[in-house]
Each structure stands twice: as C-alpha cells, then as structure tokens.
Amino acid sequence: MSFINKTSSSAAATAAALKPCVICKGESCFVIPGIASSQCFCLLHYYSTGKHNDYGPKNNKKAGRTKNKKTSLLVENERLKKQLPNVQELFAEAFVELRTEVGEASARA
C-alpha cells in the first residue's frame, strides 16, 4: 500500500476540498483516484470495506509474476490521527468478542 502524506500548505487546500466518506458521509482521510471520479473513505470504511486490499502491490504467485495495483493516497494525516483511536477500539472489541466465541465453540466441541 502506498501512502503519500501531504504536509505543505497545498495539503490544507486538498483537505478542505476532500469529499466526505462515500459510506458514512464523515470526514475522509483516504482518496482512491479514479478515471471518472475519486472515492473518499474515512479510516474505518477504508479498512472495513476491504479497500485497503484492493490497492498497492500484490504478488500473484499462481501466474508467476507481480501485478501492480492502483495506489491509494493518505491525504489528511491529522484526520487519520483523530479517527485512529476510535477505530482501534472498535477492532479491539471485535477481536475480544471473536476470541470469546471461538473459545466457547472449542469448549462445546
């Protein structure tokens, strides 16, 4: 996955021009460039929709070659820093619940 962190004055203009997240309409921090239009995602939806898997280099071992994928851009680092604690907490809670469910299923088996 390739990130470009913009910190110049043009980054402030870019951040102000960012569209909201295409899913929740909240503040976006990732832009996925497109031919017709770009898609913007907040941190949660960038990872929970699997968009992070769609972008960046990927090895295609079956074909014996490397396939280059598109690039996603991290365009607003301050928004990312603001969103990160909530997303980490959400994924931590999901992990604890999953671990509990797996433990209960193992005990029944």
C-alpha atoms as a PDB file:
ATOM      1  CA  MET A   1       0.000   0.000   0.000  1.00  0.00           C
ATOM      2  CA  SER A   2       1.422   3.326  -0.945  1.00  0.00           C
ATOM      3  CA  PHE A   3       0.734   6.382   1.165  1.00  0.00           C
ATOM      4  CA  ILE A   4       1.525   9.953   0.336  1.00  0.00           C
ATOM      5  CA  ASN A   5       1.408  12.209   3.371  1.00  0.00           C
ATOM      6  CA  LYS A   6       0.945  15.810   2.363  1.00  0.00           C
ATOM      7  CA  THR A   7       2.083  18.369   4.922  1.00  0.00           C
ATOM      8  CA  SER A   8       2.503  21.505   2.841  1.00  0.00           C
ATOM      9  CA  SER A   9       0.108  24.426   2.504  1.00  0.00           C
ATOM     10  CA  SER A  10      -1.338  22.685  -0.557  1.00  0.00           C
ATOM     11  CA  ALA A  11      -2.322  19.831   1.770  1.00  0.00           C
ATOM     12  CA  ALA A  12      -4.589  22.183   3.675  1.00  0.00           C
ATOM     13  CA  ALA A  13      -6.284  23.138   0.424  1.00  0.00           C
ATOM     14  CA  THR A  14      -6.561  19.468  -0.551  1.00  0.00           C
ATOM     15  CA  ALA A  15      -8.038  18.555   2.836  1.00  0.00           C
ATOM     16  CA  ALA A  16     -10.578  21.348   2.603  1.00  0.00           C
ATOM     17  CA  ALA A  17     -11.596  20.109  -0.855  1.00  0.00           C
ATOM     18  CA  LEU A  18     -11.948  16.461   0.227  1.00  0.00           C
ATOM     19  CA  LYS A  19     -15.357  14.976  -0.239  1.00  0.00           C
ATOM     20  CA  PRO A  20     -16.914  13.164   2.720  1.00  0.00           C
ATOM     21  CA  CYS A  21     -16.638   9.387   3.111  1.00  0.00           C
ATOM     22  CA  VAL A  22     -18.742   7.686   0.426  1.00  0.00           C
ATOM     23  CA  ILE A  23     -20.331   5.413   3.059  1.00  0.00           C
ATOM     24  CA  CYS A  24     -20.899   7.371   6.285  1.00  0.00           C
ATOM     25  CA  LYS A  25     -20.513  10.924   4.939  1.00  0.00           C
ATOM     26  CA  GLY A  26     -17.998  11.612   7.734  1.00  0.00           C
ATOM     27  CA  GLU A  27     -14.533  13.143   7.377  1.00  0.00           C
ATOM     28  CA  SER A  28     -12.451  11.237   4.860  1.00  0.00           C
ATOM     29  CA  CYS A  29      -8.701  10.778   5.014  1.00  0.00           C
ATOM     30  CA  PHE A  30      -8.073   8.420   2.070  1.00  0.00           C
ATOM     31  CA  VAL A  31      -8.656   9.173  -1.591  1.00  0.00           C
ATOM     32  CA  ILE A  32      -8.742   6.441  -4.195  1.00  0.00           C
ATOM     33  CA  PRO A  33      -8.115   8.046  -7.563  1.00  0.00           C
ATOM     34  CA  GLY A  34     -10.348   7.065 -10.432  1.00  0.00           C
ATOM     35  CA  ILE A  35     -10.681   7.891 -14.095  1.00  0.00           C
ATOM     36  CA  ALA A  36     -14.189   9.329 -13.871  1.00  0.00           C
ATOM     37  CA  SER A  37     -14.174  10.321 -10.198  1.00  0.00           C
ATOM     38  CA  SER A  38     -12.283   9.683  -6.981  1.00  0.00           C
ATOM     39  CA  GLN A  39     -13.643   7.842  -3.973  1.00  0.00           C
ATOM     40  CA  CYS A  40     -13.043   9.176  -0.470  1.00  0.00           C
ATOM     41  CA  PHE A  41     -13.097   7.000   2.642  1.00  0.00           C
ATOM     42  CA  CYS A  42     -12.762   7.535   6.366  1.00  0.00           C
ATOM     43  CA  LEU A  43     -10.292   5.254   8.145  1.00  0.00           C
ATOM     44  CA  LEU A  44     -12.967   2.817   9.364  1.00  0.00           C
ATOM     45  CA  HIS A  45     -14.551   2.273   5.975  1.00  0.00           C
ATOM     46  CA  TYR A  46     -11.217   2.143   4.151  1.00  0.00           C
ATOM     47  CA  TYR A  47     -10.368  -0.978   6.164  1.00  0.00           C
ATOM     48  CA  SER A  48     -13.798  -2.466   6.902  1.00  0.00           C
ATOM     49  CA  THR A  49     -14.853  -2.496   3.230  1.00  0.00           C
ATOM     50  CA  GLY A  50     -11.607  -4.152   2.136  1.00  0.00           C
ATOM     51  CA  LYS A  51     -10.488  -1.206   0.006  1.00  0.00           C
ATOM     52  CA  HIS A  52      -7.042  -1.489   1.591  1.00  0.00           C
ATOM     53  CA  ASN A  53      -6.709  -4.910  -0.078  1.00  0.00           C
ATOM     54  CA  ASP A  54      -7.581  -3.508  -3.490  1.00  0.00           C
ATOM     55  CA  TYR A  55      -4.663  -1.095  -3.610  1.00  0.00           C
ATOM     56  CA  GLY A  56      -0.905  -1.420  -3.518  1.00  0.00           C
ATOM     57  CA  PRO A  57       1.425  -4.082  -4.953  1.00  0.00           C
ATOM     58  CA  LYS A  58       0.325  -7.693  -4.774  1.00  0.00           C
ATOM     59  CA  ASN A  59       2.255 -10.814  -5.647  1.00  0.00           C
ATOM     60  CA  ASN A  60       0.451 -13.151  -7.985  1.00  0.00           C
ATOM     61  CA  LYS A  61       2.322 -16.412  -7.351  1.00  0.00           C
ATOM     62  CA  LYS A  62      -0.038 -18.573  -9.409  1.00  0.00           C
ATOM     63  CA  ALA A  63       0.837 -16.685 -12.564  1.00  0.00           C
ATOM     64  CA  GLY A  64       4.487 -16.386 -11.552  1.00  0.00           C
ATOM     65  CA  ARG A  65       4.508 -12.609 -11.861  1.00  0.00           C
ATOM     66  CA  THR A  66       3.952  -9.467  -9.862  1.00  0.00           C
ATOM     67  CA  LYS A  67       0.838  -7.487 -10.562  1.00  0.00           C
ATOM     68  CA  ASN A  68       0.894  -3.793  -9.754  1.00  0.00           C
ATOM     69  CA  LYS A  69      -2.336  -2.433  -8.387  1.00  0.00           C
ATOM     70  CA  LYS A  70      -3.690   1.087  -8.065  1.00  0.00           C
ATOM     71  CA  THR A  71      -2.437   3.463  -5.416  1.00  0.00           C
ATOM     72  CA  SER A  72      -4.484   4.936  -2.596  1.00  0.00           C
ATOM     73  CA  LEU A  73      -3.468   8.244  -1.131  1.00  0.00           C
ATOM     74  CA  LEU A  74      -3.427   9.227   2.516  1.00  0.00           C
ATOM     75  CA  VAL A  75      -4.154  12.890   2.034  1.00  0.00           C
ATOM     76  CA  GLU A  76      -5.072  14.039   5.510  1.00  0.00           C
ATOM     77  CA  ASN A  77      -2.809  12.826   8.289  1.00  0.00           C
ATOM     78  CA  GLU A  78      -4.484  14.933  11.013  1.00  0.00           C
ATOM     79  CA  ARG A  79      -7.868  13.358  10.254  1.00  0.00           C
ATOM     80  CA  LEU A  80      -6.247   9.930  10.380  1.00  0.00           C
ATOM     81  CA  LYS A  81      -4.739  10.659  13.798  1.00  0.00           C
ATOM     82  CA  LYS A  82      -8.144  11.834  15.035  1.00  0.00           C
ATOM     83  CA  GLN A  83     -10.000   8.756  13.719  1.00  0.00           C
ATOM     84  CA  LEU A  84      -7.409   6.130  14.688  1.00  0.00           C
ATOM     85  CA  PRO A  85      -8.210   5.703  18.434  1.00  0.00           C
ATOM     86  CA  ASN A  86     -11.905   5.020  17.761  1.00  0.00           C
ATOM     87  CA  VAL A  87     -11.133   2.527  15.001  1.00  0.00           C
ATOM     88  CA  GLN A  88      -8.538   0.758  17.161  1.00  0.00           C
ATOM     89  CA  GLU A  89     -11.074   0.464  19.983  1.00  0.00           C
ATOM     90  CA  LEU A  90     -13.730  -0.910  17.637  1.00  0.00           C
ATOM     91  CA  PHE A  91     -11.406  -3.561  16.175  1.00  0.00           C
ATOM     92  CA  ALA A  92     -10.121  -4.472  19.667  1.00  0.00           C
ATOM     93  CA  GLU A  93     -13.687  -5.044  20.888  1.00  0.00           C
ATOM     94  CA  ALA A  94     -14.450  -7.178  17.843  1.00  0.00           C
ATOM     95  CA  PHE A  95     -11.279  -9.225  18.442  1.00  0.00           C
ATOM     96  CA  VAL A  96     -12.185  -9.870  22.105  1.00  0.00           C
ATOM     97  CA  GLU A  97     -15.721 -10.934  21.121  1.00  0.00           C
ATOM     98  CA  LEU A  98     -14.399 -13.231  18.403  1.00  0.00           C
ATOM     99  CA  ARG A  99     -11.851 -14.782  20.756  1.00  0.00           C
ATOM    100  CA  THR A 100     -14.626 -15.430  23.315  1.00  0.00           C
ATOM    101  CA  GLU A 101     -16.882 -17.020  20.691  1.00  0.00           C
ATOM    102  CA  VAL A 102     -14.064 -19.248  19.401  1.00  0.00           C
ATOM    103  CA  GLY A 103     -13.258 -20.321  22.960  1.00  0.00           C
ATOM    104  CA  GLU A 104     -16.901 -21.197  23.623  1.00  0.00           C
ATOM    105  CA  ALA A 105     -17.169 -23.126  20.345  1.00  0.00           C
ATOM    106  CA  SER A 106     -13.963 -25.044  21.156  1.00  0.00           C
ATOM    107  CA  ALA A 107     -15.294 -25.938  24.607  1.00  0.00           C
ATOM    108  CA  ARG A 108     -18.519 -27.327  23.071  1.00  0.00           C
ATOM    109  CA  ALA A 109     -16.623 -29.436  20.544  1.00  0.00           C
END
